[in-house]
Amino acid sequence: MTEKQNTAVLVALGNSRHPELVEEHLHELAFLAETAGIKTGKRLIQNLEKPDGKFFIGKGKLEELKEYVRALPANHVIFDDDLSPSQLRNLEKELNPKDEEAKVRIYDRSLLILDIFLRRAQTSQARTQVELARNQYLLPRLTRMWTHLERQRGGTGTRGGAGEREIETDRRIIRDQISLLKEKLKKIESQHATQRKSRQNIVRVAIAGYTNAGKSTLMNLLSGSDVLAENKLFATVDATVRKINLGTIPFLLSDTVGFIRKLPHHLIESFKSTLDEVREADIILHVVDVSHPYHENHIEVVSKTLAELNAGSIPVVLVLNKVDILKEQRPDFDEEAAKGYYRQMGFEHIIFIAAAKKLNIAALKQLLFEEVKKKHLQFYPNYITDGYEFSFINNPEADQPT
């Protein structure tokens, strides 16, 4: 693959009041592109209160974008917000004038995230969910650039006026795929709903948090499992459930997809059954990369998403991860004073850890034990327990991703 085939220009709307936040959003967009295997070159910021209805950006910035694409050269343009179908069509005409075959592929944030999820999904359920979300998102946005379903439609090998007919054929194919995927997902969700019913009298703990906060690393520490943990966004998109003993108290620990700002609506809708692991939890471990300069914004995004999932009333333990990095950044850091700050944000249970270095994990386990015990005693009021030890249950069924 050539450099051009792997390079993108990033585009975002600016905000004169908070320019540093725009740069942070572009930094995250670049990280998303890198996760998708795309290098990023130029960054273009348009200072507008709201997107231009025709091109998302103004005509002057559009000409600048064309120059960036030619200068790199680049064959991807990635927008930090969603594009309407008409904006996408207009941009493709401008960036690919008089071309029979599109040379510049345009992504918006949602499509980029959907493509990453499609690469990362491992289980049948996750793959079906992502394919459904992606097809629903693409259906109104199909253009000549997206006529890539030759195998399904048989491949006419035509050019020119046949392009519009090919798009209509692609739309029919995608509609059929959406119907099939919905039926398949309904069967899978029915099976998982039955599995969840069998767990009604066991405490359920869900790990949630912004993507790349260290959730999978913590899952591995607490469960003795080997969930993929990488320094990439959405390293895992499959829900994983493990059965664990706290002394004689069993509970289920689940790790699900990480949240991110502007998470595509279709993705949330398609992932509702996977996110049931969060929605139906008794306790949520909200993992935060406390060393990130905008971690407060990440906390807000996750809390808002939990509320949208009707999980906002579930007891939360705020797990502030990567405190070792934070202390290197701020030698005068005071944990107790910081806890007071997060209590003002509405969190009752707060703990600082460094999962990668196994720092303060024993204290987290003790805190988790106390919270699990409270819930367990609601199920079994006469249950007696004095202390705890973590042990891992060798349960093949529990050790399978769900």
Protein backbone atom coordinates (compact mmCIF):
# COMPACT_ATOMS: atom_id res chain seq x y z
CA MET A 1 0.00 0.00 0.00
CA THR A 2 1.41 3.40 -0.98
CA GLU A 3 1.73 6.38 1.32
CA LYS A 4 -1.12 8.09 -0.49
CA GLN A 5 -3.40 5.12 0.04
CA ASN A 6 -2.80 5.38 3.75
CA THR A 7 -2.94 9.11 4.44
CA ALA A 8 -5.77 11.38 5.57
CA VAL A 9 -6.55 15.04 6.09
CA LEU A 10 -8.50 15.69 9.31
CA VAL A 11 -11.26 18.30 9.38
CA ALA A 12 -13.06 19.80 12.40
CA LEU A 13 -15.21 22.78 13.30
CA GLY A 14 -13.35 25.22 15.54
CA ASN A 15 -14.42 27.06 18.64
CA SER A 16 -12.75 30.39 19.33
CA ARG A 17 -13.71 30.15 23.01
CA HIS A 18 -12.12 26.75 23.56
CA PRO A 19 -9.42 26.17 20.88
CA GLU A 20 -7.58 23.68 23.13
CA LEU A 21 -10.66 21.43 23.21
CA VAL A 22 -10.79 21.41 19.39
CA GLU A 23 -7.16 20.29 19.31
CA GLU A 24 -7.98 17.53 21.80
CA HIS A 25 -10.85 16.35 19.60
CA LEU A 26 -8.54 16.30 16.56
CA HIS A 27 -5.91 14.42 18.56
CA GLU A 28 -8.52 11.79 19.40
CA LEU A 29 -9.65 11.67 15.76
CA ALA A 30 -6.03 11.07 14.71
CA PHE A 31 -5.84 8.24 17.26
CA LEU A 32 -9.02 6.75 15.78
CA ALA A 33 -7.53 6.98 12.28
CA GLU A 34 -4.32 5.31 13.47
CA THR A 35 -6.40 2.52 15.02
CA ALA A 36 -8.04 2.07 11.60
CA GLY A 37 -4.61 1.88 9.94
CA ILE A 38 -4.72 5.36 8.39
CA LYS A 39 -1.86 7.86 8.74
CA THR A 40 -2.80 11.48 9.30
CA GLY A 41 -1.12 14.48 7.73
CA LYS A 42 -2.70 17.91 7.59
CA ARG A 43 -5.35 19.19 9.99
CA LEU A 44 -7.91 21.75 8.89
CA ILE A 45 -10.03 23.74 11.37
CA GLN A 46 -13.04 25.78 10.25
CA ASN A 47 -14.26 28.40 12.72
CA LEU A 48 -18.04 28.23 12.34
CA GLU A 49 -20.83 28.25 14.92
CA LYS A 50 -22.57 25.46 12.98
CA PRO A 51 -21.69 23.38 9.90
CA ASP A 52 -22.27 24.75 6.40
CA GLY A 53 -25.38 23.04 5.02
CA LYS A 54 -23.82 22.24 1.63
CA PHE A 55 -20.20 21.32 2.32
CA PHE A 56 -19.97 21.24 6.15
CA ILE A 57 -17.11 23.75 5.76
CA GLY A 58 -17.16 27.07 3.91
CA LYS A 59 -16.09 27.45 0.26
CA GLY A 60 -12.79 29.06 1.20
CA LYS A 61 -11.89 26.19 3.50
CA LEU A 62 -13.05 23.73 0.84
CA GLU A 63 -10.46 25.13 -1.57
CA GLU A 64 -7.86 24.86 1.19
CA LEU A 65 -8.89 21.25 1.76
CA LYS A 66 -8.43 20.48 -1.94
CA GLU A 67 -4.90 21.93 -1.76
CA TYR A 68 -4.12 19.80 1.31
CA VAL A 69 -5.33 16.64 -0.45
CA ARG A 70 -3.20 17.35 -3.52
CA ALA A 71 -0.12 18.39 -1.51
CA LEU A 72 0.13 15.32 0.75
CA PRO A 73 -1.15 13.55 -1.46
CA ALA A 74 -4.03 11.93 0.47
CA ASN A 75 -6.87 9.61 -0.43
CA HIS A 76 -8.84 9.98 2.81
CA VAL A 77 -10.57 13.00 4.33
CA ILE A 78 -11.94 12.43 7.83
CA PHE A 79 -14.43 14.80 9.47
CA ASP A 80 -14.75 14.97 13.25
CA ASP A 81 -18.55 15.22 13.03
CA ASP A 82 -21.21 13.39 11.08
CA LEU A 83 -21.96 14.44 7.51
CA SER A 84 -25.45 14.50 6.08
CA PRO A 85 -26.03 12.45 2.90
CA SER A 86 -26.15 15.66 0.80
CA GLN A 87 -22.94 17.04 2.37
CA LEU A 88 -21.20 13.75 1.60
CA ARG A 89 -22.35 13.79 -2.03
CA ASN A 90 -21.36 17.42 -2.52
CA LEU A 91 -17.92 16.90 -1.00
CA GLU A 92 -17.26 13.84 -3.16
CA LYS A 93 -18.10 15.81 -6.31
CA GLU A 94 -15.73 18.59 -5.27
CA LEU A 95 -12.86 16.33 -4.21
CA ASN A 96 -13.22 13.92 -7.15
CA PRO A 97 -14.18 16.09 -10.16
CA LYS A 98 -14.81 14.31 -13.46
CA ASP A 99 -13.35 11.07 -12.14
CA GLU A 100 -14.91 7.78 -13.14
CA GLU A 101 -13.49 6.06 -10.05
CA ALA A 102 -13.40 7.93 -6.75
CA LYS A 103 -9.89 8.66 -5.54
CA VAL A 104 -10.60 10.38 -2.23
CA ARG A 105 -12.70 8.50 0.29
CA ILE A 106 -14.55 10.66 2.79
CA TYR A 107 -15.20 9.45 6.31
CA ASP A 108 -17.08 11.13 9.08
CA ARG A 109 -16.47 10.26 12.72
CA SER A 110 -19.30 7.73 12.95
CA LEU A 111 -18.26 5.77 9.87
CA LEU A 112 -14.64 5.66 11.08
CA ILE A 113 -15.74 4.28 14.47
CA LEU A 114 -18.03 1.75 12.78
CA ASP A 115 -15.15 0.53 10.58
CA ILE A 116 -12.91 0.13 13.65
CA PHE A 117 -15.63 -1.84 15.44
CA LEU A 118 -16.02 -4.07 12.39
CA ARG A 119 -12.27 -4.85 12.48
CA ARG A 120 -12.28 -5.49 16.24
CA ALA A 121 -15.45 -7.56 16.66
CA GLN A 122 -14.66 -11.21 17.41
CA THR A 123 -17.92 -12.89 18.43
CA SER A 124 -20.86 -13.58 16.15
CA GLN A 125 -23.02 -11.23 18.20
CA ALA A 126 -20.59 -8.29 18.00
CA ARG A 127 -19.97 -8.78 14.27
CA THR A 128 -23.71 -8.90 13.59
CA GLN A 129 -24.33 -5.79 15.70
CA VAL A 130 -21.62 -3.78 13.95
CA GLU A 131 -22.60 -4.91 10.45
CA LEU A 132 -26.20 -3.94 11.16
CA ALA A 133 -25.20 -0.51 12.50
CA ARG A 134 -22.85 0.13 9.57
CA ASN A 135 -25.43 -0.86 6.94
CA GLN A 136 -28.09 1.32 8.57
CA TYR A 137 -25.66 4.23 8.59
CA LEU A 138 -24.53 3.75 4.99
CA LEU A 139 -27.93 3.19 3.39
CA PRO A 140 -28.90 6.87 2.95
CA ARG A 141 -25.29 7.81 2.17
CA LEU A 142 -24.51 5.48 -0.75
CA THR A 143 -22.77 7.19 -3.66
CA ARG A 144 -20.54 6.08 -6.52
CA MET A 145 -17.71 5.90 -3.99
CA TRP A 146 -19.57 3.21 -2.06
CA THR A 147 -20.54 0.96 -5.01
CA HIS A 148 -18.38 -1.82 -3.63
CA LEU A 149 -20.86 -4.71 -3.57
CA GLU A 150 -19.95 -6.24 -6.95
CA ARG A 151 -19.82 -9.77 -5.56
CA GLN A 152 -23.35 -9.58 -4.18
CA ARG A 153 -24.82 -7.98 -7.31
CA GLY A 154 -22.77 -10.01 -9.76
CA GLY A 155 -20.58 -7.19 -11.08
CA THR A 156 -21.76 -5.49 -14.25
CA GLY A 157 -18.43 -3.90 -15.14
CA THR A 158 -20.32 -0.88 -16.48
CA ARG A 159 -19.43 2.78 -16.34
CA GLY A 160 -21.07 6.16 -16.74
CA GLY A 161 -24.88 6.16 -16.48
CA ALA A 162 -24.90 2.68 -14.99
CA GLY A 163 -23.49 4.16 -11.78
CA GLU A 164 -26.89 5.32 -10.53
CA ARG A 165 -28.43 1.93 -11.33
CA GLU A 166 -25.59 0.25 -9.42
CA ILE A 167 -26.30 2.47 -6.40
CA GLU A 168 -29.97 1.45 -6.45
CA THR A 169 -28.89 -2.19 -6.66
CA ASP A 170 -26.56 -1.65 -3.71
CA ARG A 171 -29.40 -0.07 -1.74
CA ARG A 172 -31.58 -3.12 -2.31
CA ILE A 173 -28.71 -5.39 -1.28
CA ILE A 174 -28.15 -3.40 1.92
CA ARG A 175 -31.88 -3.38 2.76
CA ASP A 176 -31.92 -7.17 2.38
CA GLN A 177 -28.80 -7.47 4.53
CA ILE A 178 -30.36 -5.26 7.23
CA SER A 179 -33.43 -7.52 7.36
CA LEU A 180 -31.28 -10.66 7.61
CA LEU A 181 -28.99 -9.15 10.24
CA LYS A 182 -31.96 -8.04 12.36
CA GLU A 183 -33.37 -11.58 12.33
CA LYS A 184 -29.99 -13.08 13.17
CA LEU A 185 -29.44 -10.58 16.00
CA LYS A 186 -32.91 -11.25 17.40
CA LYS A 187 -32.06 -14.97 17.76
CA ILE A 188 -28.67 -14.24 19.36
CA GLU A 189 -30.20 -11.71 21.78
CA SER A 190 -32.89 -14.21 22.76
CA GLN A 191 -30.20 -16.74 23.69
CA HIS A 192 -28.28 -14.17 25.74
CA ALA A 193 -31.43 -12.97 27.48
CA THR A 194 -31.99 -16.55 28.63
CA GLN A 195 -28.38 -16.69 29.92
CA ARG A 196 -28.85 -13.44 31.84
CA LYS A 197 -32.03 -14.72 33.49
CA SER A 198 -30.03 -17.58 34.98
CA ARG A 199 -27.79 -15.00 36.72
CA GLN A 200 -30.55 -13.17 38.59
CA ASN A 201 -29.45 -14.21 42.09
CA ILE A 202 -25.76 -13.51 41.67
CA VAL A 203 -24.14 -10.09 42.03
CA ARG A 204 -23.11 -8.57 38.71
CA VAL A 205 -20.29 -6.04 38.40
CA ALA A 206 -19.67 -4.22 35.11
CA ILE A 207 -16.49 -2.40 34.12
CA ALA A 208 -17.30 0.75 32.15
CA GLY A 209 -15.32 3.76 31.07
CA TYR A 210 -13.93 5.86 28.25
CA THR A 211 -12.08 3.88 25.62
CA ASN A 212 -8.38 3.26 26.38
CA ALA A 213 -8.81 4.04 30.10
CA GLY A 214 -7.42 0.63 31.15
CA LYS A 215 -10.63 -1.39 31.52
CA SER A 216 -9.30 -4.59 29.95
CA THR A 217 -6.08 -4.42 32.00
CA LEU A 218 -8.18 -4.14 35.16
CA MET A 219 -10.42 -6.98 33.97
CA ASN A 220 -7.37 -9.19 33.61
CA LEU A 221 -6.11 -8.27 37.08
CA LEU A 222 -9.41 -8.96 38.81
CA SER A 223 -10.42 -12.07 36.92
CA GLY A 224 -7.14 -13.74 35.97
CA SER A 225 -8.31 -13.73 32.35
CA ASP A 226 -6.49 -12.74 29.18
CA VAL A 227 -8.72 -10.10 27.62
CA LEU A 228 -6.88 -8.14 24.91
CA ALA A 229 -5.42 -4.93 26.39
CA GLU A 230 -3.69 -2.54 23.97
CA ASN A 231 -2.86 1.15 23.86
CA LYS A 232 -5.45 1.62 21.12
CA LEU A 233 -8.99 2.90 21.03
CA PHE A 234 -11.57 0.09 21.16
CA ALA A 235 -8.98 -2.66 21.65
CA THR A 236 -11.94 -4.94 22.37
CA VAL A 237 -15.61 -4.50 21.46
CA ASP A 238 -16.93 -7.85 22.71
CA ALA A 239 -18.56 -8.19 26.10
CA THR A 240 -16.59 -10.62 28.27
CA VAL A 241 -18.02 -12.15 31.47
CA ARG A 242 -16.04 -13.97 34.14
CA LYS A 243 -17.25 -15.67 37.31
CA ILE A 244 -15.16 -14.83 40.39
CA ASN A 245 -15.19 -15.73 44.09
CA LEU A 246 -14.71 -13.16 46.84
CA GLY A 247 -14.05 -15.65 49.61
CA THR A 248 -17.25 -17.66 49.53
CA ILE A 249 -19.21 -14.97 47.69
CA PRO A 250 -19.45 -15.49 43.92
CA PHE A 251 -20.07 -12.65 41.50
CA LEU A 252 -19.91 -12.00 37.77
CA LEU A 253 -17.51 -9.43 36.33
CA SER A 254 -18.06 -8.09 32.81
CA ASP A 255 -15.98 -5.87 30.55
CA THR A 256 -17.76 -4.21 27.63
CA VAL A 257 -16.98 -1.77 24.83
CA GLY A 258 -15.42 1.53 25.80
CA PHE A 259 -17.40 4.74 25.44
CA ILE A 260 -16.31 7.77 23.45
CA ARG A 261 -17.69 11.21 22.68
CA LYS A 262 -20.07 11.27 19.71
CA LEU A 263 -20.59 7.51 19.80
CA PRO A 264 -22.69 6.68 16.71
CA HIS A 265 -26.42 6.40 17.49
CA HIS A 266 -26.85 3.32 15.26
CA LEU A 267 -24.01 1.63 17.15
CA ILE A 268 -25.64 2.23 20.54
CA GLU A 269 -28.95 0.91 19.20
CA SER A 270 -27.36 -2.22 17.74
CA PHE A 271 -25.23 -2.83 20.85
CA LYS A 272 -28.14 -2.57 23.29
CA SER A 273 -28.04 -6.26 24.18
CA THR A 274 -24.27 -6.19 24.74
CA LEU A 275 -24.68 -3.06 26.84
CA ASP A 276 -27.27 -4.91 28.93
CA GLU A 277 -24.24 -6.17 30.84
CA VAL A 278 -23.89 -2.56 32.05
CA ARG A 279 -27.59 -1.74 32.29
CA GLU A 280 -28.39 -4.83 34.38
CA ALA A 281 -25.32 -4.61 36.64
CA ASP A 282 -25.58 -4.22 40.41
CA ILE A 283 -22.30 -2.28 40.63
CA ILE A 284 -20.36 -0.33 38.00
CA LEU A 285 -16.59 0.13 38.12
CA HIS A 286 -16.18 3.41 36.23
CA VAL A 287 -12.54 3.33 35.07
CA VAL A 288 -10.91 6.66 34.24
CA ASP A 289 -7.47 7.54 32.87
CA VAL A 290 -6.83 10.20 35.52
CA SER A 291 -3.56 11.23 33.83
CA HIS A 292 -5.43 12.41 30.71
CA PRO A 293 -5.69 16.22 30.62
CA TYR A 294 -9.38 16.00 29.68
CA HIS A 295 -10.36 13.10 31.92
CA GLU A 296 -13.13 15.18 33.51
CA ASN A 297 -14.73 15.46 30.09
CA HIS A 298 -14.35 11.68 29.72
CA ILE A 299 -16.12 11.18 33.06
CA GLU A 300 -18.94 13.40 31.83
CA VAL A 301 -19.25 11.47 28.54
CA VAL A 302 -19.41 8.10 30.31
CA SER A 303 -21.87 9.32 32.96
CA LYS A 304 -24.11 10.76 30.25
CA THR A 305 -23.97 7.54 28.22
CA LEU A 306 -24.80 5.47 31.31
CA ALA A 307 -27.81 7.71 31.92
CA GLU A 308 -28.91 7.22 28.29
CA LEU A 309 -28.70 3.45 28.85
CA ASN A 310 -30.93 3.78 31.94
CA ALA A 311 -27.94 2.80 34.09
CA GLY A 312 -27.49 6.15 35.79
CA SER A 313 -28.90 5.01 39.14
CA ILE A 314 -26.61 1.97 39.55
CA PRO A 315 -24.01 2.33 42.37
CA VAL A 316 -20.65 3.40 40.96
CA VAL A 317 -17.07 2.93 42.17
CA LEU A 318 -14.91 5.59 40.52
CA VAL A 319 -11.60 3.87 39.67
CA LEU A 320 -9.04 6.54 38.79
CA ASN A 321 -6.41 4.61 36.87
CA LYS A 322 -2.85 5.55 35.83
CA VAL A 323 -2.24 7.55 39.01
CA ASP A 324 1.47 6.73 38.70
CA ILE A 325 1.64 8.81 35.50
CA LEU A 326 -0.37 11.60 37.14
CA LYS A 327 2.07 11.74 40.06
CA GLU A 328 4.98 12.05 37.63
CA GLN A 329 3.16 14.95 35.98
CA ARG A 330 2.23 16.56 39.31
CA PRO A 331 4.68 15.77 42.15
CA ASP A 332 2.53 17.79 44.58
CA PHE A 333 -0.59 15.68 43.89
CA ASP A 334 -2.72 15.10 47.02
CA GLU A 335 -4.98 12.03 46.78
CA GLU A 336 -7.21 12.94 49.72
CA ALA A 337 -7.82 16.45 48.45
CA ALA A 338 -8.55 15.03 45.00
CA LYS A 339 -11.10 12.59 46.43
CA GLY A 340 -12.95 15.57 47.91
CA TYR A 341 -13.11 17.10 44.44
CA TYR A 342 -14.62 13.95 42.90
CA ARG A 343 -17.10 13.66 45.75
CA GLN A 344 -18.32 17.12 44.76
CA MET A 345 -18.92 15.62 41.29
CA GLY A 346 -21.32 13.15 42.91
CA PHE A 347 -19.13 10.07 43.44
CA GLU A 348 -19.17 8.34 46.85
CA HIS A 349 -16.67 5.51 46.34
CA ILE A 350 -13.35 6.71 44.87
CA ILE A 351 -10.01 4.94 44.57
CA PHE A 352 -6.73 5.71 42.78
CA ILE A 353 -4.87 2.80 41.15
CA ALA A 354 -2.27 1.99 38.49
CA ALA A 355 -3.53 -1.22 36.88
CA ALA A 356 -0.47 -1.72 34.66
CA LYS A 357 1.82 -1.56 37.73
CA LYS A 358 -0.66 -3.33 40.05
CA LEU A 359 -0.61 -0.34 42.37
CA ASN A 360 -3.35 -0.22 45.06
CA ILE A 361 -5.14 -3.23 43.61
CA ALA A 362 -5.51 -4.87 47.05
CA ALA A 363 -7.38 -1.78 48.29
CA LEU A 364 -9.63 -1.88 45.23
CA LYS A 365 -10.39 -5.56 45.87
CA GLN A 366 -11.28 -4.77 49.49
CA LEU A 367 -13.59 -1.95 48.42
CA LEU A 368 -15.17 -4.17 45.77
CA PHE A 369 -15.64 -6.95 48.33
CA GLU A 370 -17.53 -4.61 50.66
CA GLU A 371 -19.84 -3.44 47.88
CA VAL A 372 -20.44 -6.95 46.50
CA LYS A 373 -21.16 -8.23 50.01
CA LYS A 374 -23.84 -5.56 50.56
CA LYS A 375 -25.66 -6.63 47.40
CA HIS A 376 -25.15 -10.35 48.07
CA LEU A 377 -26.76 -9.98 51.49
CA GLN A 378 -29.82 -8.50 49.83
CA PHE A 379 -30.18 -11.78 47.93
CA TYR A 380 -29.24 -13.99 50.90
CA PRO A 381 -29.85 -12.08 54.20
CA ASN A 382 -28.65 -14.94 56.44
CA TYR A 383 -25.34 -15.38 54.62
CA ILE A 384 -22.27 -15.17 56.89
CA THR A 385 -18.80 -14.10 55.72
CA ASP A 386 -15.85 -12.68 57.64
CA GLY A 387 -13.20 -11.81 55.07
CA TYR A 388 -12.27 -12.31 51.48
CA GLU A 389 -9.83 -13.80 49.07
CA PHE A 390 -10.01 -13.49 45.33
CA SER A 391 -10.14 -16.80 43.50
CA PHE A 392 -10.96 -17.64 39.94
CA ILE A 393 -13.59 -20.20 39.10
CA ASN A 394 -12.67 -22.57 36.31
CA ASN A 395 -16.02 -22.42 34.60
CA PRO A 396 -15.75 -22.95 30.83
CA GLU A 397 -19.18 -21.45 30.23
CA ALA A 398 -18.40 -18.33 32.25
CA ASP A 399 -15.04 -17.94 30.53
CA GLN A 400 -16.60 -17.50 27.10
CA PRO A 401 -17.16 -14.02 25.68
CA THR A 402 -20.82 -13.14 25.71
